[in-house]
Amino acid sequence: MELYELLFADQDLDELLLETSFDPDGPLYAARARLWAGQYVDASTLAAGKGEPWSSFIVSAARMKAGQSAQRTLVYVADGDFETRARLWAWNALRKANIQPSALQASDALGVVLEVPFSASSQDVLAAYADGSSRFLGHANNMIIRDKSDDFDPLIEDLLSQAQPLLKVPPAPRPRTVVPVGHVRVTALSAMGVHPILIPWSEFDPAGKYADLFKAATKLLEKTTAVTR
């Protein structure tokens, strides 16, 4: 699975666990093997307490495949102090089990992804998350992965604040289409899922509806690329 796909954290548990690399000599690798073999009790036993959030994801997948509830385990991740993408994957699994977030849980923008076409066949992608991490995938195949940093926190908080109104856009399946030149696709990420919106460049002009959002994204991008030169 490409890093681009993982930016949105909208994969189901089976797909996520299939694509995740575990130490072949470690317990999570063995637990996953038991999971695929239908040995759900053994998978849960081997995975329990062996490294979050992956142990909880394997335990949850095993319980659901066995026809049991995994709500408590998934909520532990979704509402816990984990990487934002792990929380989003947990919420995705909960929704698939018909367990919806509360209005309060659904009200926060946990992440935002901006896709900016560079040409008809390439684009720059900037992603930022509530845990203070960010990712940049450049059109020239350059990549910057940044974990939480106090220097970046205010910039990410500003960007997420500007993305908050996008949660009014109903969650929808993530578009797989190429972003047309002259537009930017902005996708807010919440406990309800992905909220994609295609925005023409004119809306990012100083008088445009999304001028402040683009300004916040530009500040984060400039700092991200400046410290890596």
C-alpha atoms as a PDB file:
ATOM      1  CA  MET A   1       0.000   0.000   0.000  1.00  0.00           C
ATOM      2  CA  GLU A   2       1.359   3.399  -0.964  1.00  0.00           C
ATOM      3  CA  LEU A   3       2.074   6.006   1.694  1.00  0.00           C
ATOM      4  CA  TYR A   4      -0.391   8.285  -0.088  1.00  0.00           C
ATOM      5  CA  GLU A   5      -3.226   5.879   0.645  1.00  0.00           C
ATOM      6  CA  LEU A   6      -2.307   5.733   4.324  1.00  0.00           C
ATOM      7  CA  LEU A   7      -2.544   9.512   4.695  1.00  0.00           C
ATOM      8  CA  PHE A   8      -6.338   9.219   4.856  1.00  0.00           C
ATOM      9  CA  ALA A   9      -6.441   6.387   7.419  1.00  0.00           C
ATOM     10  CA  ASP A  10      -9.667   5.019   5.934  1.00  0.00           C
ATOM     11  CA  GLN A  11      -8.626   1.386   5.416  1.00  0.00           C
ATOM     12  CA  ASP A  12     -10.528  -1.394   7.170  1.00  0.00           C
ATOM     13  CA  LEU A  13      -8.693  -3.568   9.688  1.00  0.00           C
ATOM     14  CA  ASP A  14      -8.135  -6.513   7.338  1.00  0.00           C
ATOM     15  CA  GLU A  15      -6.539  -4.334   4.678  1.00  0.00           C
ATOM     16  CA  LEU A  16      -4.483  -2.435   7.245  1.00  0.00           C
ATOM     17  CA  LEU A  17      -3.179  -5.566   8.964  1.00  0.00           C
ATOM     18  CA  LEU A  18      -2.431  -7.250   5.654  1.00  0.00           C
ATOM     19  CA  GLU A  19      -0.241  -4.364   4.531  1.00  0.00           C
ATOM     20  CA  THR A  20       1.524  -3.695   7.858  1.00  0.00           C
ATOM     21  CA  SER A  21       5.046  -5.039   8.307  1.00  0.00           C
ATOM     22  CA  PHE A  22       5.676  -6.872  11.562  1.00  0.00           C
ATOM     23  CA  ASP A  23       8.893  -8.431  12.834  1.00  0.00           C
ATOM     24  CA  PRO A  24       8.792 -12.029  11.511  1.00  0.00           C
ATOM     25  CA  ASP A  25      10.163 -13.201  14.850  1.00  0.00           C
ATOM     26  CA  GLY A  26       7.749 -11.131  16.921  1.00  0.00           C
ATOM     27  CA  PRO A  27       4.409 -11.960  18.545  1.00  0.00           C
ATOM     28  CA  LEU A  28       2.356  -9.632  16.332  1.00  0.00           C
ATOM     29  CA  TYR A  29       3.522 -11.445  13.206  1.00  0.00           C
ATOM     30  CA  ALA A  30       2.546 -14.777  14.762  1.00  0.00           C
ATOM     31  CA  ALA A  31      -0.762 -13.374  15.982  1.00  0.00           C
ATOM     32  CA  ARG A  32      -1.633 -12.122  12.510  1.00  0.00           C
ATOM     33  CA  ALA A  33      -0.837 -15.533  11.056  1.00  0.00           C
ATOM     34  CA  ARG A  34      -3.242 -17.117  13.545  1.00  0.00           C
ATOM     35  CA  LEU A  35      -5.844 -14.516  12.595  1.00  0.00           C
ATOM     36  CA  TRP A  36      -5.634 -15.409   8.900  1.00  0.00           C
ATOM     37  CA  ALA A  37      -5.791 -19.092   9.819  1.00  0.00           C
ATOM     38  CA  GLY A  38      -9.062 -18.570  11.687  1.00  0.00           C
ATOM     39  CA  GLN A  39      -7.503 -19.300  15.075  1.00  0.00           C
ATOM     40  CA  TYR A  40      -9.073 -16.266  16.690  1.00  0.00           C
ATOM     41  CA  VAL A  41      -8.518 -17.118  20.358  1.00  0.00           C
ATOM     42  CA  ASP A  42      -4.836 -17.833  19.749  1.00  0.00           C
ATOM     43  CA  ALA A  43      -4.512 -14.619  17.718  1.00  0.00           C
ATOM     44  CA  SER A  44      -5.970 -12.554  20.566  1.00  0.00           C
ATOM     45  CA  THR A  45      -3.827 -14.260  23.186  1.00  0.00           C
ATOM     46  CA  LEU A  46      -0.614 -13.766  21.241  1.00  0.00           C
ATOM     47  CA  ALA A  47      -1.355 -10.126  20.380  1.00  0.00           C
ATOM     48  CA  ALA A  48      -2.656  -8.883  23.735  1.00  0.00           C
ATOM     49  CA  GLY A  49      -0.349  -6.264  25.227  1.00  0.00           C
ATOM     50  CA  LYS A  50       2.350  -6.723  22.594  1.00  0.00           C
ATOM     51  CA  GLY A  51       2.488  -3.207  21.157  1.00  0.00           C
ATOM     52  CA  GLU A  52      -0.248  -0.676  20.587  1.00  0.00           C
ATOM     53  CA  PRO A  53      -2.203   0.092  18.559  1.00  0.00           C
ATOM     54  CA  TRP A  54      -1.471  -3.040  16.541  1.00  0.00           C
ATOM     55  CA  SER A  55      -2.199  -5.459  19.354  1.00  0.00           C
ATOM     56  CA  SER A  56      -5.632  -3.870  19.828  1.00  0.00           C
ATOM     57  CA  PHE A  57      -6.280  -3.983  16.089  1.00  0.00           C
ATOM     58  CA  ILE A  58      -5.461  -7.699  15.890  1.00  0.00           C
ATOM     59  CA  VAL A  59      -7.519  -8.459  18.997  1.00  0.00           C
ATOM     60  CA  SER A  60     -10.431  -6.445  17.582  1.00  0.00           C
ATOM     61  CA  ALA A  61     -10.251  -8.154  14.193  1.00  0.00           C
ATOM     62  CA  ALA A  62     -10.130 -11.571  15.873  1.00  0.00           C
ATOM     63  CA  ARG A  63     -13.129 -10.812  18.077  1.00  0.00           C
ATOM     64  CA  MET A  64     -15.216  -9.517  15.176  1.00  0.00           C
ATOM     65  CA  LYS A  65     -14.358 -12.502  12.977  1.00  0.00           C
ATOM     66  CA  ALA A  66     -15.423 -14.722  15.865  1.00  0.00           C
ATOM     67  CA  GLY A  67     -18.781 -12.948  15.979  1.00  0.00           C
ATOM     68  CA  GLN A  68     -17.997 -11.028  19.161  1.00  0.00           C
ATOM     69  CA  SER A  69     -17.989  -7.324  19.983  1.00  0.00           C
ATOM     70  CA  ALA A  70     -14.729  -5.384  19.785  1.00  0.00           C
ATOM     71  CA  GLN A  71     -16.267  -2.086  20.835  1.00  0.00           C
ATOM     72  CA  ARG A  72     -14.378  -1.669  24.103  1.00  0.00           C
ATOM     73  CA  THR A  73     -10.988  -2.376  22.504  1.00  0.00           C
ATOM     74  CA  LEU A  74     -11.609  -0.102  19.525  1.00  0.00           C
ATOM     75  CA  VAL A  75     -12.937   2.768  21.652  1.00  0.00           C
ATOM     76  CA  TYR A  76      -9.786   2.454  23.770  1.00  0.00           C
ATOM     77  CA  VAL A  77      -7.783   3.356  20.645  1.00  0.00           C
ATOM     78  CA  ALA A  78     -10.259   5.775  19.088  1.00  0.00           C
ATOM     79  CA  ASP A  79     -10.491   7.914  22.230  1.00  0.00           C
ATOM     80  CA  GLY A  80      -6.973   7.256  23.491  1.00  0.00           C
ATOM     81  CA  ASP A  81      -3.638   9.032  23.362  1.00  0.00           C
ATOM     82  CA  PHE A  82      -2.526   7.410  20.140  1.00  0.00           C
ATOM     83  CA  GLU A  83      -1.285   8.564  16.765  1.00  0.00           C
ATOM     84  CA  THR A  84      -4.159  10.307  15.009  1.00  0.00           C
ATOM     85  CA  ARG A  85      -4.212   7.862  12.123  1.00  0.00           C
ATOM     86  CA  ALA A  86      -4.570   4.952  14.567  1.00  0.00           C
ATOM     87  CA  ARG A  87      -7.565   6.707  16.106  1.00  0.00           C
ATOM     88  CA  LEU A  88      -9.074   7.230  12.643  1.00  0.00           C
ATOM     89  CA  TRP A  89      -8.597   3.548  11.753  1.00  0.00           C
ATOM     90  CA  ALA A  90     -10.292   2.607  15.020  1.00  0.00           C
ATOM     91  CA  TRP A  91     -13.230   4.924  14.299  1.00  0.00           C
ATOM     92  CA  ASN A  92     -13.525   3.459  10.823  1.00  0.00           C
ATOM     93  CA  ALA A  93     -13.765  -0.040  12.307  1.00  0.00           C
ATOM     94  CA  LEU A  94     -16.332   1.117  14.857  1.00  0.00           C
ATOM     95  CA  ARG A  95     -18.526   2.680  12.186  1.00  0.00           C
ATOM     96  CA  LYS A  96     -18.390  -0.506  10.135  1.00  0.00           C
ATOM     97  CA  ALA A  97     -19.662  -2.263  13.250  1.00  0.00           C
ATOM     98  CA  ASN A  98     -22.545   0.261  13.359  1.00  0.00           C
ATOM     99  CA  ILE A  99     -21.106   2.124  16.338  1.00  0.00           C
ATOM    100  CA  GLN A 100     -21.193   5.843  15.658  1.00  0.00           C
ATOM    101  CA  PRO A 101     -19.222   8.583  17.431  1.00  0.00           C
ATOM    102  CA  SER A 102     -21.089  11.009  19.638  1.00  0.00           C
ATOM    103  CA  ALA A 103     -21.750  14.524  18.385  1.00  0.00           C
ATOM    104  CA  LEU A 104     -18.841  15.742  20.516  1.00  0.00           C
ATOM    105  CA  GLN A 105     -16.467  13.067  19.214  1.00  0.00           C
ATOM    106  CA  ALA A 106     -17.484  13.829  15.634  1.00  0.00           C
ATOM    107  CA  SER A 107     -17.047  17.581  15.970  1.00  0.00           C
ATOM    108  CA  ASP A 108     -13.243  17.790  15.733  1.00  0.00           C
ATOM    109  CA  ALA A 109     -11.120  17.853  12.603  1.00  0.00           C
ATOM    110  CA  LEU A 110      -8.499  15.232  13.452  1.00  0.00           C
ATOM    111  CA  GLY A 111      -6.589  15.702  10.230  1.00  0.00           C
ATOM    112  CA  VAL A 112      -6.566  17.351   6.838  1.00  0.00           C
ATOM    113  CA  VAL A 113      -5.053  16.367   3.481  1.00  0.00           C
ATOM    114  CA  LEU A 114      -4.487  18.860   0.657  1.00  0.00           C
ATOM    115  CA  GLU A 115      -3.824  17.605  -2.876  1.00  0.00           C
ATOM    116  CA  VAL A 116      -2.427  20.284  -5.175  1.00  0.00           C
ATOM    117  CA  PRO A 117      -1.888  19.319  -8.843  1.00  0.00           C
ATOM    118  CA  PHE A 118       1.489  20.250 -10.278  1.00  0.00           C
ATOM    119  CA  SER A 119       0.561  18.930 -13.700  1.00  0.00           C
ATOM    120  CA  ALA A 120      -2.020  16.586 -15.187  1.00  0.00           C
ATOM    121  CA  SER A 121      -0.047  13.603 -13.866  1.00  0.00           C
ATOM    122  CA  SER A 122       1.627  14.781 -10.647  1.00  0.00           C
ATOM    123  CA  GLN A 123       0.733  16.602  -7.469  1.00  0.00           C
ATOM    124  CA  ASP A 124       1.980  17.834  -4.111  1.00  0.00           C
ATOM    125  CA  VAL A 125       0.231  16.404  -1.062  1.00  0.00           C
ATOM    126  CA  LEU A 126       0.345  17.892   2.439  1.00  0.00           C
ATOM    127  CA  ALA A 127      -1.235  16.110   5.403  1.00  0.00           C
ATOM    128  CA  ALA A 128      -1.430  17.306   9.009  1.00  0.00           C
ATOM    129  CA  TYR A 129      -2.855  15.605  12.072  1.00  0.00           C
ATOM    130  CA  ALA A 130      -4.099  16.530  15.530  1.00  0.00           C
ATOM    131  CA  ASP A 131      -1.216  14.665  17.187  1.00  0.00           C
ATOM    132  CA  GLY A 132       1.163  17.263  15.726  1.00  0.00           C
ATOM    133  CA  SER A 133       2.573  15.082  12.956  1.00  0.00           C
ATOM    134  CA  SER A 134       2.624  15.913   9.263  1.00  0.00           C
ATOM    135  CA  ARG A 135       3.523  14.406   5.901  1.00  0.00           C
ATOM    136  CA  PHE A 136       4.547  15.957   2.604  1.00  0.00           C
ATOM    137  CA  LEU A 137       4.661  14.016  -0.659  1.00  0.00           C
ATOM    138  CA  GLY A 138       6.151  16.133  -3.422  1.00  0.00           C
ATOM    139  CA  HIS A 139       5.458  15.894  -7.134  1.00  0.00           C
ATOM    140  CA  ALA A 140       9.140  15.072  -7.715  1.00  0.00           C
ATOM    141  CA  ASN A 141       8.834  11.954  -5.508  1.00  0.00           C
ATOM    142  CA  ASN A 142      10.369  13.728  -2.536  1.00  0.00           C
ATOM    143  CA  MET A 143       8.927  12.837   0.842  1.00  0.00           C
ATOM    144  CA  ILE A 144       9.015  14.458   4.288  1.00  0.00           C
ATOM    145  CA  ILE A 145       7.644  12.619   7.319  1.00  0.00           C
ATOM    146  CA  ARG A 146       7.559  14.679  10.494  1.00  0.00           C
ATOM    147  CA  ASP A 147       6.508  13.501  13.928  1.00  0.00           C
ATOM    148  CA  LYS A 148       5.179  15.804  16.627  1.00  0.00           C
ATOM    149  CA  SER A 149       7.293  18.908  17.205  1.00  0.00           C
ATOM    150  CA  ASP A 150       6.560  21.928  19.391  1.00  0.00           C
ATOM    151  CA  ASP A 151       7.819  24.130  16.553  1.00  0.00           C
ATOM    152  CA  PHE A 152       5.067  22.853  14.275  1.00  0.00           C
ATOM    153  CA  ASP A 153       2.175  22.540  16.738  1.00  0.00           C
ATOM    154  CA  PRO A 154       0.799  26.095  16.302  1.00  0.00           C
ATOM    155  CA  LEU A 155       0.932  25.789  12.516  1.00  0.00           C
ATOM    156  CA  ILE A 156      -0.906  22.469  12.536  1.00  0.00           C
ATOM    157  CA  GLU A 157      -3.460  23.736  15.044  1.00  0.00           C
ATOM    158  CA  ASP A 158      -4.141  26.711  12.791  1.00  0.00           C
ATOM    159  CA  LEU A 159      -4.547  24.533   9.710  1.00  0.00           C
ATOM    160  CA  LEU A 160      -6.928  22.148  11.482  1.00  0.00           C
ATOM    161  CA  SER A 161      -8.907  25.098  12.792  1.00  0.00           C
ATOM    162  CA  GLN A 162      -9.302  26.395   9.244  1.00  0.00           C
ATOM    163  CA  ALA A 163     -10.340  22.919   8.084  1.00  0.00           C
ATOM    164  CA  GLN A 164     -12.996  22.616  10.786  1.00  0.00           C
ATOM    165  CA  PRO A 165     -15.820  24.038   8.599  1.00  0.00           C
ATOM    166  CA  LEU A 166     -15.234  21.233   6.101  1.00  0.00           C
ATOM    167  CA  LEU A 167     -16.834  18.834   8.573  1.00  0.00           C
ATOM    168  CA  LYS A 168     -20.141  20.307   7.415  1.00  0.00           C
ATOM    169  CA  VAL A 169     -19.499  18.432   4.168  1.00  0.00           C
ATOM    170  CA  PRO A 170     -21.094  14.988   4.625  1.00  0.00           C
ATOM    171  CA  PRO A 171     -18.559  12.159   4.923  1.00  0.00           C
ATOM    172  CA  ALA A 172     -18.212  10.245   1.691  1.00  0.00           C
ATOM    173  CA  PRO A 173     -16.025   7.553   0.120  1.00  0.00           C
ATOM    174  CA  ARG A 174     -12.627   8.976  -0.694  1.00  0.00           C
ATOM    175  CA  PRO A 175     -12.387  10.026  -4.371  1.00  0.00           C
ATOM    176  CA  ARG A 176      -9.891   8.007  -6.404  1.00  0.00           C
ATOM    177  CA  THR A 177      -9.947  10.441  -9.317  1.00  0.00           C
ATOM    178  CA  VAL A 178      -7.084  12.712 -10.314  1.00  0.00           C
ATOM    179  CA  VAL A 179      -7.473  16.262  -9.063  1.00  0.00           C
ATOM    180  CA  PRO A 180      -8.047  18.484 -12.107  1.00  0.00           C
ATOM    181  CA  VAL A 181      -5.518  21.254 -12.722  1.00  0.00           C
ATOM    182  CA  GLY A 182      -6.886  24.533 -11.458  1.00  0.00           C
ATOM    183  CA  HIS A 183      -8.374  22.922  -8.358  1.00  0.00           C
ATOM    184  CA  VAL A 184      -7.244  21.681  -4.957  1.00  0.00           C
ATOM    185  CA  ARG A 185      -8.840  18.747  -3.196  1.00  0.00           C
ATOM    186  CA  VAL A 186      -9.038  19.263   0.549  1.00  0.00           C
ATOM    187  CA  THR A 187     -10.107  16.319   2.682  1.00  0.00           C
ATOM    188  CA  ALA A 188     -10.893  16.812   6.353  1.00  0.00           C
ATOM    189  CA  LEU A 189     -10.607  13.712   8.535  1.00  0.00           C
ATOM    190  CA  SER A 190     -12.890  13.111  11.506  1.00  0.00           C
ATOM    191  CA  ALA A 191     -14.369  10.337  13.612  1.00  0.00           C
ATOM    192  CA  MET A 192     -17.154  10.263  11.026  1.00  0.00           C
ATOM    193  CA  GLY A 193     -14.779   9.534   8.148  1.00  0.00           C
ATOM    194  CA  VAL A 194     -13.376  11.567   5.262  1.00  0.00           C
ATOM    195  CA  HIS A 195     -14.928  14.841   4.138  1.00  0.00           C
ATOM    196  CA  PRO A 196     -13.576  15.627   0.630  1.00  0.00           C
ATOM    197  CA  ILE A 197     -14.216  18.848  -1.213  1.00  0.00           C
ATOM    198  CA  LEU A 198     -12.866  20.007  -4.580  1.00  0.00           C
ATOM    199  CA  ILE A 199     -12.025  23.714  -4.477  1.00  0.00           C
ATOM    200  CA  PRO A 200     -11.166  25.947  -7.466  1.00  0.00           C
ATOM    201  CA  TRP A 201      -8.009  28.038  -7.139  1.00  0.00           C
ATOM    202  CA  SER A 202     -10.055  31.228  -7.166  1.00  0.00           C
ATOM    203  CA  GLU A 203     -11.394  30.360  -3.708  1.00  0.00           C
ATOM    204  CA  PHE A 204      -7.853  30.610  -2.337  1.00  0.00           C
ATOM    205  CA  ASP A 205      -7.403  34.203  -3.475  1.00  0.00           C
ATOM    206  CA  PRO A 206      -7.166  36.807  -0.668  1.00  0.00           C
ATOM    207  CA  ALA A 207     -10.890  37.493  -0.953  1.00  0.00           C
ATOM    208  CA  GLY A 208     -11.804  33.846  -1.488  1.00  0.00           C
ATOM    209  CA  LYS A 209     -13.770  31.620   0.848  1.00  0.00           C
ATOM    210  CA  TYR A 210     -10.767  29.408   1.670  1.00  0.00           C
ATOM    211  CA  ALA A 211      -8.017  32.045   1.707  1.00  0.00           C
ATOM    212  CA  ASP A 212      -7.207  31.501   5.394  1.00  0.00           C
ATOM    213  CA  LEU A 213      -7.079  27.727   4.992  1.00  0.00           C
ATOM    214  CA  PHE A 214      -4.601  27.993   2.129  1.00  0.00           C
ATOM    215  CA  LYS A 215      -2.546  30.549   4.024  1.00  0.00           C
ATOM    216  CA  ALA A 216      -2.300  28.177   6.993  1.00  0.00           C
ATOM    217  CA  ALA A 217      -1.322  25.281   4.729  1.00  0.00           C
ATOM    218  CA  THR A 218       1.316  27.413   2.998  1.00  0.00           C
ATOM    219  CA  LYS A 219       2.910  28.400   6.317  1.00  0.00           C
ATOM    220  CA  LEU A 220       3.125  24.765   7.394  1.00  0.00           C
ATOM    221  CA  LEU A 221       4.535  23.688   4.043  1.00  0.00           C
ATOM    222  CA  GLU A 222       7.138  26.456   4.002  1.00  0.00           C
ATOM    223  CA  LYS A 223       8.406  25.553   7.460  1.00  0.00           C
ATOM    224  CA  THR A 224       8.366  21.846   6.664  1.00  0.00           C
ATOM    225  CA  THR A 225      10.443  22.220   3.527  1.00  0.00           C
ATOM    226  CA  ALA A 226      12.731  24.923   5.000  1.00  0.00           C
ATOM    227  CA  VAL A 227      14.028  22.745   7.838  1.00  0.00           C
ATOM    228  CA  THR A 228      14.885  19.916   5.477  1.00  0.00           C
ATOM    229  CA  ARG A 229      17.043  21.890   3.089  1.00  0.00           C
END
